[in-house]
C-alpha atoms as a PDB file:
ATOM      1  CA  UNK A   1     -14.444  -3.337  20.273  1.00  0.00           C
ATOM      2  CA  UNK A   2     -18.016  -2.260  19.681  1.00  0.00           C
ATOM      3  CA  UNK A   3     -19.403  -2.626  16.150  1.00  0.00           C
ATOM      4  CA  UNK A   4     -19.621   1.141  15.645  1.00  0.00           C
ATOM      5  CA  UNK A   5     -16.009   1.596  16.809  1.00  0.00           C
ATOM      6  CA  UNK A   6     -14.894  -1.152  14.425  1.00  0.00           C
ATOM      7  CA  UNK A   7     -16.783   0.438  11.538  1.00  0.00           C
ATOM      8  CA  UNK A   8     -15.212   3.817  12.299  1.00  0.00           C
ATOM      9  CA  UNK A   9     -11.736   2.270  12.398  1.00  0.00           C
ATOM     10  CA  UNK A  10     -12.298   0.556   9.040  1.00  0.00           C
ATOM     11  CA  UNK A  11     -13.698   3.728   7.461  1.00  0.00           C
ATOM     12  CA  UNK A  12     -10.728   5.729   8.781  1.00  0.00           C
ATOM     13  CA  UNK A  13      -8.313   3.121   7.371  1.00  0.00           C
ATOM     14  CA  UNK A  14      -9.978   3.103   3.950  1.00  0.00           C
ATOM     15  CA  UNK A  15      -9.891   6.905   3.917  1.00  0.00           C
ATOM     16  CA  UNK A  16      -6.125   6.818   4.614  1.00  0.00           C
ATOM     17  CA  UNK A  17      -5.537   4.394   1.748  1.00  0.00           C
ATOM     18  CA  UNK A  18      -7.680   6.397  -0.657  1.00  0.00           C
ATOM     19  CA  UNK A  19      -5.899   9.624   0.297  1.00  0.00           C
ATOM     20  CA  UNK A  20      -2.518   7.925  -0.174  1.00  0.00           C
ATOM     21  CA  UNK A  21      -3.493   6.632  -3.595  1.00  0.00           C
ATOM     22  CA  UNK A  22      -4.578  10.082  -4.726  1.00  0.00           C
ATOM     23  CA  UNK A  23      -1.964  12.290  -3.020  1.00  0.00           C
ATOM     24  CA  UNK A  24       1.036  10.040  -3.567  1.00  0.00           C
ATOM     25  CA  UNK A  25       0.013   9.296  -7.154  1.00  0.00           C
ATOM     26  CA  UNK A  26       0.479  12.964  -7.926  1.00  0.00           C
ATOM     27  CA  UNK A  27       3.925  12.901  -6.289  1.00  0.00           C
ATOM     28  CA  UNK A  28       5.238   9.568  -7.587  1.00  0.00           C
ATOM     29  CA  UNK A  29       3.398   9.047 -10.876  1.00  0.00           C
ATOM     30  CA  UNK A  30       2.347  12.432 -12.226  1.00  0.00           C
ATOM     31  CA  UNK A  31       1.731  11.221 -15.779  1.00  0.00           C
ATOM     32  CA  UNK A  32      -0.980   9.069 -17.234  1.00  0.00           C
ATOM     33  CA  UNK A  33       0.555   5.774 -16.036  1.00  0.00           C
ATOM     34  CA  UNK A  34      -0.123   5.274 -12.334  1.00  0.00           C
ATOM     35  CA  UNK A  35       2.067   2.164 -12.381  1.00  0.00           C
ATOM     36  CA  UNK A  36       5.043   3.970 -13.956  1.00  0.00           C
ATOM     37  CA  UNK A  37       7.445   3.599 -11.017  1.00  0.00           C
ATOM     38  CA  UNK A  38       6.855  -0.125 -10.795  1.00  0.00           C
ATOM     39  CA  UNK A  39       7.281  -0.502 -14.559  1.00  0.00           C
ATOM     40  CA  UNK A  40      10.544   1.475 -14.347  1.00  0.00           C
ATOM     41  CA  UNK A  41      11.685  -0.709 -11.442  1.00  0.00           C
ATOM     42  CA  UNK A  42      10.853  -3.741 -13.552  1.00  0.00           C
ATOM     43  CA  UNK A  43      13.020  -2.430 -16.385  1.00  0.00           C
ATOM     44  CA  UNK A  44      15.922  -1.847 -13.990  1.00  0.00           C
ATOM     45  CA  UNK A  45      15.731  -5.145 -12.108  1.00  0.00           C
ATOM     46  CA  UNK A  46      14.401  -7.470 -14.780  1.00  0.00           C
ATOM     47  CA  UNK A  47      11.676  -8.592 -12.360  1.00  0.00           C
ATOM     48  CA  UNK A  48       7.978  -8.275 -13.063  1.00  0.00           C
ATOM     49  CA  UNK A  49       6.485  -5.080 -11.655  1.00  0.00           C
ATOM     50  CA  UNK A  50       4.492  -7.029  -9.048  1.00  0.00           C
ATOM     51  CA  UNK A  51       7.767  -8.287  -7.541  1.00  0.00           C
ATOM     52  CA  UNK A  52       9.171  -4.769  -7.581  1.00  0.00           C
ATOM     53  CA  UNK A  53       6.035  -3.545  -5.819  1.00  0.00           C
ATOM     54  CA  UNK A  54       6.318  -6.332  -3.245  1.00  0.00           C
ATOM     55  CA  UNK A  55       9.896  -5.257  -2.537  1.00  0.00           C
ATOM     56  CA  UNK A  56       8.654  -1.738  -1.832  1.00  0.00           C
ATOM     57  CA  UNK A  57       5.862  -3.123   0.356  1.00  0.00           C
ATOM     58  CA  UNK A  58       8.259  -5.392   2.247  1.00  0.00           C
ATOM     59  CA  UNK A  59       9.931  -2.359   3.830  1.00  0.00           C
ATOM     60  CA  UNK A  60       6.571  -1.333   5.258  1.00  0.00           C
ATOM     61  CA  UNK A  61       5.802  -4.869   6.416  1.00  0.00           C
ATOM     62  CA  UNK A  62       9.090  -5.002   8.338  1.00  0.00           C
ATOM     63  CA  UNK A  63       8.294  -1.644   9.914  1.00  0.00           C
ATOM     64  CA  UNK A  64       4.863  -2.937  10.990  1.00  0.00           C
ATOM     65  CA  UNK A  65       6.463  -6.057  12.450  1.00  0.00           C
ATOM     66  CA  UNK A  66       8.772  -3.800  14.489  1.00  0.00           C
ATOM     67  CA  UNK A  67       5.746  -1.852  15.681  1.00  0.00           C
ATOM     68  CA  UNK A  68       4.027  -5.089  16.746  1.00  0.00           C
ATOM     69  CA  UNK A  69       7.150  -6.161  18.651  1.00  0.00           C
ATOM     70  CA  UNK A  70       7.054  -2.805  20.450  1.00  0.00           C
ATOM     71  CA  UNK A  71       3.400  -3.395  21.333  1.00  0.00           C
ATOM     72  CA  UNK A  72       4.374  -6.761  22.832  1.00  0.00           C
ATOM     73  CA  UNK A  73       6.809  -4.854  25.050  1.00  0.00           C
ATOM     74  CA  UNK A  74       4.033  -2.500  26.124  1.00  0.00           C
ATOM     75  CA  UNK A  75       5.149   0.383  23.890  1.00  0.00           C
ATOM     76  CA  UNK A  76       2.132   1.616  21.954  1.00  0.00           C
ATOM     77  CA  UNK A  77       2.635   3.532  18.708  1.00  0.00           C
ATOM     78  CA  UNK A  78       1.106   6.921  18.201  1.00  0.00           C
ATOM     79  CA  UNK A  79      -2.059   6.965  16.141  1.00  0.00           C
ATOM     80  CA  UNK A  80      -0.190   8.851  13.424  1.00  0.00           C
ATOM     81  CA  UNK A  81       2.578   6.239  13.271  1.00  0.00           C
ATOM     82  CA  UNK A  82       0.123   3.326  13.141  1.00  0.00           C
ATOM     83  CA  UNK A  83      -1.966   5.085  10.475  1.00  0.00           C
ATOM     84  CA  UNK A  84       1.068   5.848   8.357  1.00  0.00           C
ATOM     85  CA  UNK A  85       2.735   2.434   8.533  1.00  0.00           C
ATOM     86  CA  UNK A  86      -0.389   0.313   8.149  1.00  0.00           C
ATOM     87  CA  UNK A  87      -1.896   2.716   5.624  1.00  0.00           C
ATOM     88  CA  UNK A  88       1.230   2.561   3.464  1.00  0.00           C
ATOM     89  CA  UNK A  89       1.128  -1.234   3.354  1.00  0.00           C
ATOM     90  CA  UNK A  90      -2.583  -1.161   2.518  1.00  0.00           C
ATOM     91  CA  UNK A  91      -1.840   1.319  -0.242  1.00  0.00           C
ATOM     92  CA  UNK A  92       0.719  -1.028  -1.779  1.00  0.00           C
ATOM     93  CA  UNK A  93      -1.767  -3.890  -1.619  1.00  0.00           C
ATOM     94  CA  UNK A  94      -4.336  -1.745  -3.439  1.00  0.00           C
ATOM     95  CA  UNK A  95      -1.735  -0.937  -6.097  1.00  0.00           C
ATOM     96  CA  UNK A  96      -0.895  -4.651  -6.390  1.00  0.00           C
ATOM     97  CA  UNK A  97      -4.570  -5.325  -6.999  1.00  0.00           C
ATOM     98  CA  UNK A  98      -4.542  -2.646  -9.726  1.00  0.00           C
ATOM     99  CA  UNK A  99      -1.438  -4.222 -11.301  1.00  0.00           C
ATOM    100  CA  UNK A 100      -3.122  -7.606 -11.478  1.00  0.00           C
ATOM    101  CA  UNK A 101      -6.352  -6.096 -12.822  1.00  0.00           C
ATOM    102  CA  UNK A 102      -4.321  -4.287 -15.472  1.00  0.00           C
ATOM    103  CA  UNK A 103      -2.772  -7.577 -16.592  1.00  0.00           C
ATOM    104  CA  UNK A 104      -6.135  -9.339 -16.599  1.00  0.00           C
ATOM    105  CA  UNK A 105      -7.778  -6.540 -18.591  1.00  0.00           C
ATOM    106  CA  UNK A 106      -5.020  -6.667 -21.208  1.00  0.00           C
ATOM    107  CA  UNK A 107      -5.422 -10.408 -21.717  1.00  0.00           C
ATOM    108  CA  UNK A 108      -9.243 -10.567 -21.797  1.00  0.00           C
ATOM    109  CA  UNK A 109     -11.053  -9.985 -25.073  1.00  0.00           C
ATOM    110  CA  UNK A 110     -13.801  -7.378 -24.639  1.00  0.00           C
END
C-alpha cells in the first residue's frame, strides 16, 4: 500500500469513528452524560462501566473475527461492512479511553 493510500485509509477510518461518536451519542446518550448507558449497565450488572463497555465491544470483535475468517476463505467483505464493523470497535475503544480519562480527571487534584 502506497503511503498516500494508507493515509487516506486512516483518515477515512478516523472520520467513521468521529461520525459514530457524534451521531450515535445523540441516539444512545442524548443527555449530558455521554457515558450514561455504560453507567446504567454498571448499575444493572454490578461490574465497572469499563467491563460493561468491553462486553459491548466484544460482540463487534467477534464479528470482525468472523469477517477475517471469511477473508481467509477468499470471501472479501464489502467496504460498507468492513467500515461498519471495524469502525464500531474503534468507536468503543475511543469511548473506553474517555471512560478512563473521566476516572483519571476525577481523581487528580487540579
